Amino acid sequence: MDTTIAVVNLTVTESETDDQATLETLAAWRGCRLAKVLTIDADTYMPTTLIAHTAHTTGATTILAPSLAHFGTATKALTLACTLVVPQAVIPRVPGWTPNP
């Protein structure tokens, strides 16, 4: 079973409860073990680095979010580390580099 982490950006969320339910559904759909849910907001220091580092330390192969808006401007950078999964899309990891060799 693959490991995944999830991101909830509090600056764009409308309901943390609904977001958590969405993440659990996505993890089940992907057949992944949800290792950690990160909550970030406008005050989070270096959120892209935090997300990528957490993916690396947990051995995650995917990062889930309730929508693309939760990734903010980090979407492209995060595809260097993992596949990104939201209800509307799956964005594959860019081949050639992985934090979990």
PDB file of N, CA and C in Angstrom:
ATOM      1  N   MET A   1       0.838  -1.176   0.000  1.00  0.00           N
ATOM      2  CA  MET A   1       0.000   0.000   0.000  1.00  0.00           C
ATOM      3  C   MET A   1       0.887   1.245   0.000  1.00  0.00           C
ATOM      4  N   ASP A   2       0.656   2.138  -0.948  1.00  0.00           N
ATOM      5  CA  ASP A   2       1.422   3.373  -1.036  1.00  0.00           C
ATOM      6  C   ASP A   2       1.063   4.319   0.103  1.00  0.00           C
ATOM      7  N   THR A   3       2.024   5.160   0.442  1.00  0.00           N
ATOM      8  CA  THR A   3       1.824   6.171   1.471  1.00  0.00           C
ATOM      9  C   THR A   3       1.535   7.506   0.810  1.00  0.00           C
ATOM     10  N   THR A   4       0.651   8.278   1.410  1.00  0.00           N
ATOM     11  CA  THR A   4       0.322   9.599   0.909  1.00  0.00           C
ATOM     12  C   THR A   4       0.261  10.591   2.063  1.00  0.00           C
ATOM     13  N   ILE A   5       0.452  11.852   1.737  1.00  0.00           N
ATOM     14  CA  ILE A   5       0.186  12.930   2.692  1.00  0.00           C
ATOM     15  C   ILE A   5      -0.871  13.810   2.062  1.00  0.00           C
ATOM     16  N   ALA A   6      -1.412  14.713   2.848  1.00  0.00           N
ATOM     17  CA  ALA A   6      -2.440  15.616   2.344  1.00  0.00           C
ATOM     18  C   ALA A   6      -2.160  17.028   2.821  1.00  0.00           C
ATOM     19  N   VAL A   7      -2.689  17.981   2.062  1.00  0.00           N
ATOM     20  CA  VAL A   7      -2.507  19.392   2.384  1.00  0.00           C
ATOM     21  C   VAL A   7      -3.870  20.064   2.453  1.00  0.00           C
ATOM     22  N   VAL A   8      -4.091  20.806   3.534  1.00  0.00           N
ATOM     23  CA  VAL A   8      -5.270  21.660   3.651  1.00  0.00           C
ATOM     24  C   VAL A   8      -4.757  23.074   3.876  1.00  0.00           C
ATOM     25  N   ASN A   9      -5.063  23.956   2.944  1.00  0.00           N
ATOM     26  CA  ASN A   9      -4.665  25.352   3.045  1.00  0.00           C
ATOM     27  C   ASN A   9      -5.821  26.119   3.678  1.00  0.00           C
ATOM     28  N   LEU A  10      -5.615  26.552   4.905  1.00  0.00           N
ATOM     29  CA  LEU A  10      -6.689  27.204   5.658  1.00  0.00           C
ATOM     30  C   LEU A  10      -7.116  28.535   5.055  1.00  0.00           C
ATOM     31  N   THR A  11      -6.283  29.125   4.206  1.00  0.00           N
ATOM     32  CA  THR A  11      -6.669  30.392   3.585  1.00  0.00           C
ATOM     33  C   THR A  11      -7.677  30.207   2.456  1.00  0.00           C
ATOM     34  N   VAL A  12      -7.834  28.972   1.955  1.00  0.00           N
ATOM     35  CA  VAL A  12      -8.794  28.731   0.873  1.00  0.00           C
ATOM     36  C   VAL A  12      -9.915  27.775   1.270  1.00  0.00           C
ATOM     37  N   THR A  13      -9.802  27.150   2.420  1.00  0.00           N
ATOM     38  CA  THR A  13     -10.808  26.164   2.813  1.00  0.00           C
ATOM     39  C   THR A  13     -12.131  26.833   3.199  1.00  0.00           C
ATOM     40  N   GLU A  14     -13.203  26.154   2.900  1.00  0.00           N
ATOM     41  CA  GLU A  14     -14.520  26.612   3.331  1.00  0.00           C
ATOM     42  C   GLU A  14     -14.998  25.809   4.524  1.00  0.00           C
ATOM     43  N   SER A  15     -14.548  24.551   4.620  1.00  0.00           N
ATOM     44  CA  SER A  15     -14.931  23.685   5.729  1.00  0.00           C
ATOM     45  C   SER A  15     -13.851  22.627   5.939  1.00  0.00           C
ATOM     46  N   GLU A  16     -13.160  22.706   7.071  1.00  0.00           N
ATOM     47  CA  GLU A  16     -12.130  21.702   7.361  1.00  0.00           C
ATOM     48  C   GLU A  16     -12.728  20.310   7.452  1.00  0.00           C
ATOM     49  N   THR A  17     -13.923  20.200   7.978  1.00  0.00           N
ATOM     50  CA  THR A  17     -14.596  18.900   8.103  1.00  0.00           C
ATOM     51  C   THR A  17     -14.843  18.295   6.724  1.00  0.00           C
ATOM     52  N   ASP A  18     -15.363  19.103   5.796  1.00  0.00           N
ATOM     53  CA  ASP A  18     -15.602  18.611   4.436  1.00  0.00           C
ATOM     54  C   ASP A  18     -14.284  18.264   3.745  1.00  0.00           C
ATOM     55  N   ASP A  19     -13.263  19.093   3.965  1.00  0.00           N
ATOM     56  CA  ASP A  19     -11.958  18.822   3.362  1.00  0.00           C
ATOM     57  C   ASP A  19     -11.385  17.504   3.873  1.00  0.00           C
ATOM     58  N   GLN A  20     -11.494  17.243   5.163  1.00  0.00           N
ATOM     59  CA  GLN A  20     -10.992  15.990   5.729  1.00  0.00           C
ATOM     60  C   GLN A  20     -11.718  14.794   5.128  1.00  0.00           C
ATOM     61  N   ALA A  21     -13.031  14.907   4.955  1.00  0.00           N
ATOM     62  CA  ALA A  21     -13.800  13.823   4.338  1.00  0.00           C
ATOM     63  C   ALA A  21     -13.354  13.600   2.894  1.00  0.00           C
ATOM     64  N   THR A  22     -13.098  14.685   2.171  1.00  0.00           N
ATOM     65  CA  THR A  22     -12.623  14.584   0.794  1.00  0.00           C
ATOM     66  C   THR A  22     -11.276  13.866   0.738  1.00  0.00           C
ATOM     67  N   LEU A  23     -10.384  14.218   1.645  1.00  0.00           N
ATOM     68  CA  LEU A  23      -9.053  13.599   1.678  1.00  0.00           C
ATOM     69  C   LEU A  23      -9.130  12.112   1.986  1.00  0.00           C
ATOM     70  N   GLU A  24      -9.977  11.736   2.930  1.00  0.00           N
ATOM     71  CA  GLU A  24     -10.133  10.318   3.260  1.00  0.00           C
ATOM     72  C   GLU A  24     -10.702   9.546   2.073  1.00  0.00           C
ATOM     73  N   THR A  25     -11.641  10.153   1.356  1.00  0.00           N
ATOM     74  CA  THR A  25     -12.211   9.516   0.165  1.00  0.00           C
ATOM     75  C   THR A  25     -11.155   9.355  -0.917  1.00  0.00           C
ATOM     76  N   LEU A  26     -10.357  10.406  -1.147  1.00  0.00           N
ATOM     77  CA  LEU A  26      -9.284  10.326  -2.149  1.00  0.00           C
ATOM     78  C   LEU A  26      -8.266   9.247  -1.792  1.00  0.00           C
ATOM     79  N   ALA A  27      -7.883   9.170  -0.529  1.00  0.00           N
ATOM     80  CA  ALA A  27      -6.908   8.159  -0.099  1.00  0.00           C
ATOM     81  C   ALA A  27      -7.463   6.752  -0.330  1.00  0.00           C
ATOM     82  N   ALA A  28      -8.723   6.550   0.007  1.00  0.00           N
ATOM     83  CA  ALA A  28      -9.342   5.240  -0.202  1.00  0.00           C
ATOM     84  C   ALA A  28      -9.428   4.913  -1.692  1.00  0.00           C
ATOM     85  N   TRP A  29      -9.800   5.881  -2.499  1.00  0.00           N
ATOM     86  CA  TRP A  29      -9.901   5.694  -3.949  1.00  0.00           C
ATOM     87  C   TRP A  29      -8.554   5.310  -4.547  1.00  0.00           C
ATOM     88  N   ARG A  30      -7.471   5.922  -4.060  1.00  0.00           N
ATOM     89  CA  ARG A  30      -6.129   5.626  -4.551  1.00  0.00           C
ATOM     90  C   ARG A  30      -5.525   4.380  -3.899  1.00  0.00           C
ATOM     91  N   GLY A  31      -6.173   3.853  -2.853  1.00  0.00           N
ATOM     92  CA  GLY A  31      -5.637   2.697  -2.146  1.00  0.00           C
ATOM     93  C   GLY A  31      -4.389   3.041  -1.360  1.00  0.00           C
ATOM     94  N   CYS A  32      -4.340   4.253  -0.832  1.00  0.00           N
ATOM     95  CA  CYS A  32      -3.162   4.742  -0.112  1.00  0.00           C
ATOM     96  C   CYS A  32      -3.415   4.828   1.381  1.00  0.00           C
ATOM     97  N   ARG A  33      -2.323   4.775   2.119  1.00  0.00           N
ATOM     98  CA  ARG A  33      -2.366   5.011   3.567  1.00  0.00           C
ATOM     99  C   ARG A  33      -2.064   6.486   3.784  1.00  0.00           C
ATOM    100  N   LEU A  34      -2.990   7.198   4.406  1.00  0.00           N
ATOM    101  CA  LEU A  34      -2.818   8.624   4.670  1.00  0.00           C
ATOM    102  C   LEU A  34      -1.953   8.785   5.908  1.00  0.00           C
ATOM    103  N   ALA A  35      -0.688   9.160   5.703  1.00  0.00           N
ATOM    104  CA  ALA A  35       0.279   9.240   6.795  1.00  0.00           C
ATOM    105  C   ALA A  35       0.166  10.520   7.594  1.00  0.00           C
ATOM    106  N   LYS A  36      -0.180  11.628   6.932  1.00  0.00           N
ATOM    107  CA  LYS A  36      -0.191  12.913   7.622  1.00  0.00           C
ATOM    108  C   LYS A  36      -1.027  13.906   6.833  1.00  0.00           C
ATOM    109  N   VAL A  37      -1.736  14.757   7.554  1.00  0.00           N
ATOM    110  CA  VAL A  37      -2.443  15.878   6.949  1.00  0.00           C
ATOM    111  C   VAL A  37      -1.765  17.155   7.435  1.00  0.00           C
ATOM    112  N   LEU A  38      -1.208  17.914   6.497  1.00  0.00           N
ATOM    113  CA  LEU A  38      -0.578  19.183   6.826  1.00  0.00           C
ATOM    114  C   LEU A  38      -1.602  20.297   6.676  1.00  0.00           C
ATOM    115  N   THR A  39      -1.668  21.171   7.653  1.00  0.00           N
ATOM    116  CA  THR A  39      -2.474  22.375   7.502  1.00  0.00           C
ATOM    117  C   THR A  39      -1.516  23.546   7.369  1.00  0.00           C
ATOM    118  N   ILE A  40      -1.738  24.326   6.335  1.00  0.00           N
ATOM    119  CA  ILE A  40      -0.917  25.496   6.099  1.00  0.00           C
ATOM    120  C   ILE A  40      -1.827  26.709   5.982  1.00  0.00           C
ATOM    121  N   ASP A  41      -1.248  27.884   6.114  1.00  0.00           N
ATOM    122  CA  ASP A  41      -1.990  29.125   5.915  1.00  0.00           C
ATOM    123  C   ASP A  41      -1.019  30.193   5.440  1.00  0.00           C
ATOM    124  N   ALA A  42      -1.464  31.422   5.388  1.00  0.00           N
ATOM    125  CA  ALA A  42      -0.635  32.514   4.884  1.00  0.00           C
ATOM    126  C   ALA A  42       0.610  32.736   5.736  1.00  0.00           C
ATOM    127  N   ASP A  43       0.592  32.297   6.989  1.00  0.00           N
ATOM    128  CA  ASP A  43       1.731  32.486   7.876  1.00  0.00           C
ATOM    129  C   ASP A  43       2.708  31.313   7.895  1.00  0.00           C
ATOM    130  N   THR A  44       2.437  30.270   7.146  1.00  0.00           N
ATOM    131  CA  THR A  44       3.322  29.106   7.128  1.00  0.00           C
ATOM    132  C   THR A  44       4.624  29.470   6.430  1.00  0.00           C
ATOM    133  N   TYR A  45       5.724  29.227   7.115  1.00  0.00           N
ATOM    134  CA  TYR A  45       7.046  29.531   6.581  1.00  0.00           C
ATOM    135  C   TYR A  45       7.436  28.480   5.549  1.00  0.00           C
ATOM    136  N   MET A  46       7.733  28.911   4.344  1.00  0.00           N
ATOM    137  CA  MET A  46       8.183  28.051   3.244  1.00  0.00           C
ATOM    138  C   MET A  46       7.293  26.810   3.072  1.00  0.00           C
ATOM    139  N   PRO A  47       6.013  27.012   2.747  1.00  0.00           N
ATOM    140  CA  PRO A  47       5.089  25.881   2.666  1.00  0.00           C
ATOM    141  C   PRO A  47       5.472  24.829   1.626  1.00  0.00           C
ATOM    142  N   THR A  48       6.023  25.242   0.494  1.00  0.00           N
ATOM    143  CA  THR A  48       6.418  24.263  -0.524  1.00  0.00           C
ATOM    144  C   THR A  48       7.497  23.344   0.012  1.00  0.00           C
ATOM    145  N   THR A  49       8.467  23.914   0.698  1.00  0.00           N
ATOM    146  CA  THR A  49       9.537  23.121   1.289  1.00  0.00           C
ATOM    147  C   THR A  49       8.986  22.203   2.370  1.00  0.00           C
ATOM    148  N   LEU A  50       8.087  22.708   3.189  1.00  0.00           N
ATOM    149  CA  LEU A  50       7.467  21.898   4.239  1.00  0.00           C
ATOM    150  C   LEU A  50       6.738  20.698   3.647  1.00  0.00           C
ATOM    151  N   ILE A  51       5.965  20.930   2.606  1.00  0.00           N
ATOM    152  CA  ILE A  51       5.200  19.843   1.980  1.00  0.00           C
ATOM    153  C   ILE A  51       6.142  18.810   1.359  1.00  0.00           C
ATOM    154  N   ALA A  52       7.121  19.276   0.591  1.00  0.00           N
ATOM    155  CA  ALA A  52       8.062  18.344  -0.054  1.00  0.00           C
ATOM    156  C   ALA A  52       8.867  17.571   0.977  1.00  0.00           C
ATOM    157  N   HIS A  53       9.309  18.243   2.039  1.00  0.00           N
ATOM    158  CA  HIS A  53      10.079  17.570   3.091  1.00  0.00           C
ATOM    159  C   HIS A  53       9.221  16.521   3.804  1.00  0.00           C
ATOM    160  N   THR A  54       7.975  16.856   4.085  1.00  0.00           N
ATOM    161  CA  THR A  54       7.087  15.899   4.744  1.00  0.00           C
ATOM    162  C   THR A  54       6.838  14.691   3.849  1.00  0.00           C
ATOM    163  N   ALA A  55       6.672  14.927   2.550  1.00  0.00           N
ATOM    164  CA  ALA A  55       6.505  13.803   1.612  1.00  0.00           C
ATOM    165  C   ALA A  55       7.731  12.905   1.655  1.00  0.00           C
ATOM    166  N   HIS A  56       8.896  13.510   1.668  1.00  0.00           N
ATOM    167  CA  HIS A  56      10.143  12.740   1.705  1.00  0.00           C
ATOM    168  C   HIS A  56      10.270  11.934   2.993  1.00  0.00           C
ATOM    169  N   THR A  57      10.052  12.570   4.144  1.00  0.00           N
ATOM    170  CA  THR A  57      10.269  11.883   5.424  1.00  0.00           C
ATOM    171  C   THR A  57       9.237  10.799   5.690  1.00  0.00           C
ATOM    172  N   THR A  58       8.063  10.899   5.092  1.00  0.00           N
ATOM    173  CA  THR A  58       7.046   9.860   5.284  1.00  0.00           C
ATOM    174  C   THR A  58       7.098   8.797   4.194  1.00  0.00           C
ATOM    175  N   GLY A  59       7.904   9.039   3.149  1.00  0.00           N
ATOM    176  CA  GLY A  59       7.969   8.103   2.030  1.00  0.00           C
ATOM    177  C   GLY A  59       6.749   8.172   1.132  1.00  0.00           C
ATOM    178  N   ALA A  60       6.088   9.318   1.117  1.00  0.00           N
ATOM    179  CA  ALA A  60       4.857   9.473   0.333  1.00  0.00           C
ATOM    180  C   ALA A  60       5.148   9.463  -1.164  1.00  0.00           C
ATOM    181  N   THR A  61       4.257   8.843  -1.909  1.00  0.00           N
ATOM    182  CA  THR A  61       4.345   8.848  -3.366  1.00  0.00           C
ATOM    183  C   THR A  61       3.312   9.793  -3.976  1.00  0.00           C
ATOM    184  N   THR A  62       2.323  10.197  -3.183  1.00  0.00           N
ATOM    185  CA  THR A  62       1.306  11.129  -3.651  1.00  0.00           C
ATOM    186  C   THR A  62       1.030  12.172  -2.576  1.00  0.00           C
ATOM    187  N   ILE A  63       0.537  13.323  -3.048  1.00  0.00           N
ATOM    188  CA  ILE A  63       0.083  14.375  -2.153  1.00  0.00           C
ATOM    189  C   ILE A  63      -1.356  14.694  -2.539  1.00  0.00           C
ATOM    190  N   LEU A  64      -2.242  14.610  -1.583  1.00  0.00           N
ATOM    191  CA  LEU A  64      -3.657  14.866  -1.819  1.00  0.00           C
ATOM    192  C   LEU A  64      -4.022  16.273  -1.372  1.00  0.00           C
ATOM    193  N   ALA A  65      -5.055  16.835  -1.981  1.00  0.00           N
ATOM    194  CA  ALA A  65      -5.615  18.108  -1.537  1.00  0.00           C
ATOM    195  C   ALA A  65      -7.080  18.147  -1.958  1.00  0.00           C
ATOM    196  N   PRO A  66      -7.899  18.907  -1.233  1.00  0.00           N
ATOM    197  CA  PRO A  66      -9.317  19.004  -1.587  1.00  0.00           C
ATOM    198  C   PRO A  66      -9.559  19.694  -2.931  1.00  0.00           C
ATOM    199  N   SER A  67      -8.621  20.538  -3.372  1.00  0.00           N
ATOM    200  CA  SER A  67      -8.682  21.192  -4.686  1.00  0.00           C
ATOM    201  C   SER A  67      -7.287  21.706  -5.022  1.00  0.00           C
ATOM    202  N   LEU A  68      -7.085  22.085  -6.275  1.00  0.00           N
ATOM    203  CA  LEU A  68      -5.788  22.623  -6.686  1.00  0.00           C
ATOM    204  C   LEU A  68      -5.452  23.914  -5.951  1.00  0.00           C
ATOM    205  N   ALA A  69      -6.455  24.670  -5.556  1.00  0.00           N
ATOM    206  CA  ALA A  69      -6.221  25.928  -4.842  1.00  0.00           C
ATOM    207  C   ALA A  69      -5.443  25.707  -3.548  1.00  0.00           C
ATOM    208  N   HIS A  70      -5.558  24.537  -2.941  1.00  0.00           N
ATOM    209  CA  HIS A  70      -4.860  24.241  -1.687  1.00  0.00           C
ATOM    210  C   HIS A  70      -3.342  24.144  -1.889  1.00  0.00           C
ATOM    211  N   PHE A  71      -2.883  23.862  -3.116  1.00  0.00           N
ATOM    212  CA  PHE A  71      -1.452  23.831  -3.408  1.00  0.00           C
ATOM    213  C   PHE A  71      -0.898  25.226  -3.665  1.00  0.00           C
ATOM    214  N   GLY A  72      -1.761  26.168  -3.980  1.00  0.00           N
ATOM    215  CA  GLY A  72      -1.324  27.529  -4.256  1.00  0.00           C
ATOM    216  C   GLY A  72      -0.349  27.561  -5.421  1.00  0.00           C
ATOM    217  N   THR A  73       0.729  28.308  -5.260  1.00  0.00           N
ATOM    218  CA  THR A  73       1.720  28.438  -6.327  1.00  0.00           C
ATOM    219  C   THR A  73       2.722  27.284  -6.335  1.00  0.00           C
ATOM    220  N   ALA A  74       2.562  26.328  -5.441  1.00  0.00           N
ATOM    221  CA  ALA A  74       3.523  25.225  -5.312  1.00  0.00           C
ATOM    222  C   ALA A  74       3.243  24.045  -6.231  1.00  0.00           C
ATOM    223  N   THR A  75       2.163  24.074  -6.984  1.00  0.00           N
ATOM    224  CA  THR A  75       1.762  22.910  -7.775  1.00  0.00           C
ATOM    225  C   THR A  75       2.892  22.372  -8.641  1.00  0.00           C
ATOM    226  N   LYS A  76       3.483  23.222  -9.454  1.00  0.00           N
ATOM    227  CA  LYS A  76       4.527  22.760 -10.378  1.00  0.00           C
ATOM    228  C   LYS A  76       5.736  22.220  -9.621  1.00  0.00           C
ATOM    229  N   ALA A  77       6.152  22.906  -8.581  1.00  0.00           N
ATOM    230  CA  ALA A  77       7.315  22.458  -7.805  1.00  0.00           C
ATOM    231  C   ALA A  77       7.047  21.117  -7.137  1.00  0.00           C
ATOM    232  N   LEU A  78       5.849  20.916  -6.624  1.00  0.00           N
ATOM    233  CA  LEU A  78       5.540  19.673  -5.912  1.00  0.00           C
ATOM    234  C   LEU A  78       5.488  18.465  -6.840  1.00  0.00           C
ATOM    235  N   THR A  79       5.239  18.689  -8.133  1.00  0.00           N
ATOM    236  CA  THR A  79       5.245  17.550  -9.064  1.00  0.00           C
ATOM    237  C   THR A  79       6.645  16.994  -9.267  1.00  0.00           C
ATOM    238  N   LEU A  80       7.662  17.707  -8.807  1.00  0.00           N
ATOM    239  CA  LEU A  80       9.019  17.156  -8.838  1.00  0.00           C
ATOM    240  C   LEU A  80       9.203  16.086  -7.769  1.00  0.00           C
ATOM    241  N   ALA A  81       8.345  16.124  -6.739  1.00  0.00           N
ATOM    242  CA  ALA A  81       8.469  15.190  -5.624  1.00  0.00           C
ATOM    243  C   ALA A  81       7.464  14.045  -5.684  1.00  0.00           C
ATOM    244  N   CYS A  82       6.225  14.343  -6.052  1.00  0.00           N
ATOM    245  CA  CYS A  82       5.155  13.343  -5.968  1.00  0.00           C
ATOM    246  C   CYS A  82       4.079  13.592  -7.020  1.00  0.00           C
ATOM    247  N   THR A  83       3.225  12.617  -7.170  1.00  0.00           N
ATOM    248  CA  THR A  83       1.999  12.792  -7.938  1.00  0.00           C
ATOM    249  C   THR A  83       1.023  13.568  -7.070  1.00  0.00           C
ATOM    250  N   LEU A  84       0.322  14.538  -7.665  1.00  0.00           N
ATOM    251  CA  LEU A  84      -0.661  15.322  -6.934  1.00  0.00           C
ATOM    252  C   LEU A  84      -2.052  14.842  -7.308  1.00  0.00           C
ATOM    253  N   VAL A  85      -2.908  14.681  -6.294  1.00  0.00           N
ATOM    254  CA  VAL A  85      -4.257  14.170  -6.535  1.00  0.00           C
ATOM    255  C   VAL A  85      -5.269  15.093  -5.868  1.00  0.00           C
ATOM    256  N   VAL A  86      -6.218  15.557  -6.678  1.00  0.00           N
ATOM    257  CA  VAL A  86      -7.362  16.324  -6.200  1.00  0.00           C
ATOM    258  C   VAL A  86      -8.603  15.670  -6.794  1.00  0.00           C
ATOM    259  N   PRO A  87      -9.790  15.992  -6.311  1.00  0.00           N
ATOM    260  CA  PRO A  87     -10.976  15.325  -6.862  1.00  0.00           C
ATOM    261  C   PRO A  87     -11.131  15.478  -8.375  1.00  0.00           C
ATOM    262  N   GLN A  88     -10.674  16.591  -8.931  1.00  0.00           N
ATOM    263  CA  GLN A  88     -10.871  16.844 -10.353  1.00  0.00           C
ATOM    264  C   GLN A  88      -9.742  16.338 -11.241  1.00  0.00           C
ATOM    265  N   ALA A  89      -8.587  16.006 -10.671  1.00  0.00           N
ATOM    266  CA  ALA A  89      -7.446  15.680 -11.526  1.00  0.00           C
ATOM    267  C   ALA A  89      -6.371  14.894 -10.785  1.00  0.00           C
ATOM    268  N   VAL A  90      -5.569  14.200 -11.572  1.00  0.00           N
ATOM    269  CA  VAL A  90      -4.345  13.570 -11.096  1.00  0.00           C
ATOM    270  C   VAL A  90      -3.217  14.169 -11.926  1.00  0.00           C
ATOM    271  N   ILE A  91      -2.252  14.793 -11.254  1.00  0.00           N
ATOM    272  CA  ILE A  91      -1.122  15.408 -11.936  1.00  0.00           C
ATOM    273  C   ILE A  91       0.096  14.540 -11.633  1.00  0.00           C
ATOM    274  N   PRO A  92       0.609  13.836 -12.647  1.00  0.00           N
ATOM    275  CA  PRO A  92       1.702  12.893 -12.396  1.00  0.00           C
ATOM    276  C   PRO A  92       3.004  13.586 -12.000  1.00  0.00           C
ATOM    277  N   ARG A  93       3.795  12.856 -11.235  1.00  0.00           N
ATOM    278  CA  ARG A  93       5.126  13.326 -10.854  1.00  0.00           C
ATOM    279  C   ARG A  93       5.958  13.478 -12.116  1.00  0.00           C
ATOM    280  N   VAL A  94       6.750  14.514 -12.165  1.00  0.00           N
ATOM    281  CA  VAL A  94       7.651  14.736 -13.293  1.00  0.00           C
ATOM    282  C   VAL A  94       8.769  13.703 -13.208  1.00  0.00           C
ATOM    283  N   PRO A  95       8.971  12.913 -14.251  1.00  0.00           N
ATOM    284  CA  PRO A  95      10.019  11.889 -14.181  1.00  0.00           C
ATOM    285  C   PRO A  95      11.411  12.491 -14.121  1.00  0.00           C
ATOM    286  N   GLY A  96      12.306  11.751 -13.516  1.00  0.00           N
ATOM    287  CA  GLY A  96      13.691  12.146 -13.506  1.00  0.00           C
ATOM    288  C   GLY A  96      14.245  12.489 -12.138  1.00  0.00           C
ATOM    289  N   TRP A  97      13.382  12.707 -11.166  1.00  0.00           N
ATOM    290  CA  TRP A  97      13.851  13.014  -9.807  1.00  0.00           C
ATOM    291  C   TRP A  97      12.821  12.513  -8.828  1.00  0.00           C
ATOM    292  N   THR A  98      13.309  11.952  -7.731  1.00  0.00           N
ATOM    293  CA  THR A  98      12.406  11.503  -6.685  1.00  0.00           C
ATOM    294  C   THR A  98      13.058  11.700  -5.337  1.00  0.00           C
ATOM    295  N   PRO A  99      12.301  12.159  -4.333  1.00  0.00           N
ATOM    296  CA  PRO A  99      12.879  12.317  -3.008  1.00  0.00           C
ATOM    297  C   PRO A  99      13.004  10.998  -2.259  1.00  0.00           C
ATOM    298  N   ASN A 100      12.404   9.941  -2.803  1.00  0.00           N
ATOM    299  CA  ASN A 100      12.404   8.640  -2.137  1.00  0.00           C
ATOM    300  C   ASN A 100      12.989   7.582  -3.066  1.00  0.00           C
ATOM    301  N   PRO A 101      14.298   7.660  -3.326  1.00  0.00           N
ATOM    302  CA  PRO A 101      14.904   6.697  -4.274  1.00  0.00           C
ATOM    303  C   PRO A 101      14.835   5.262  -3.779  1.00  0.00           C
TER     304      PRO A 101
END
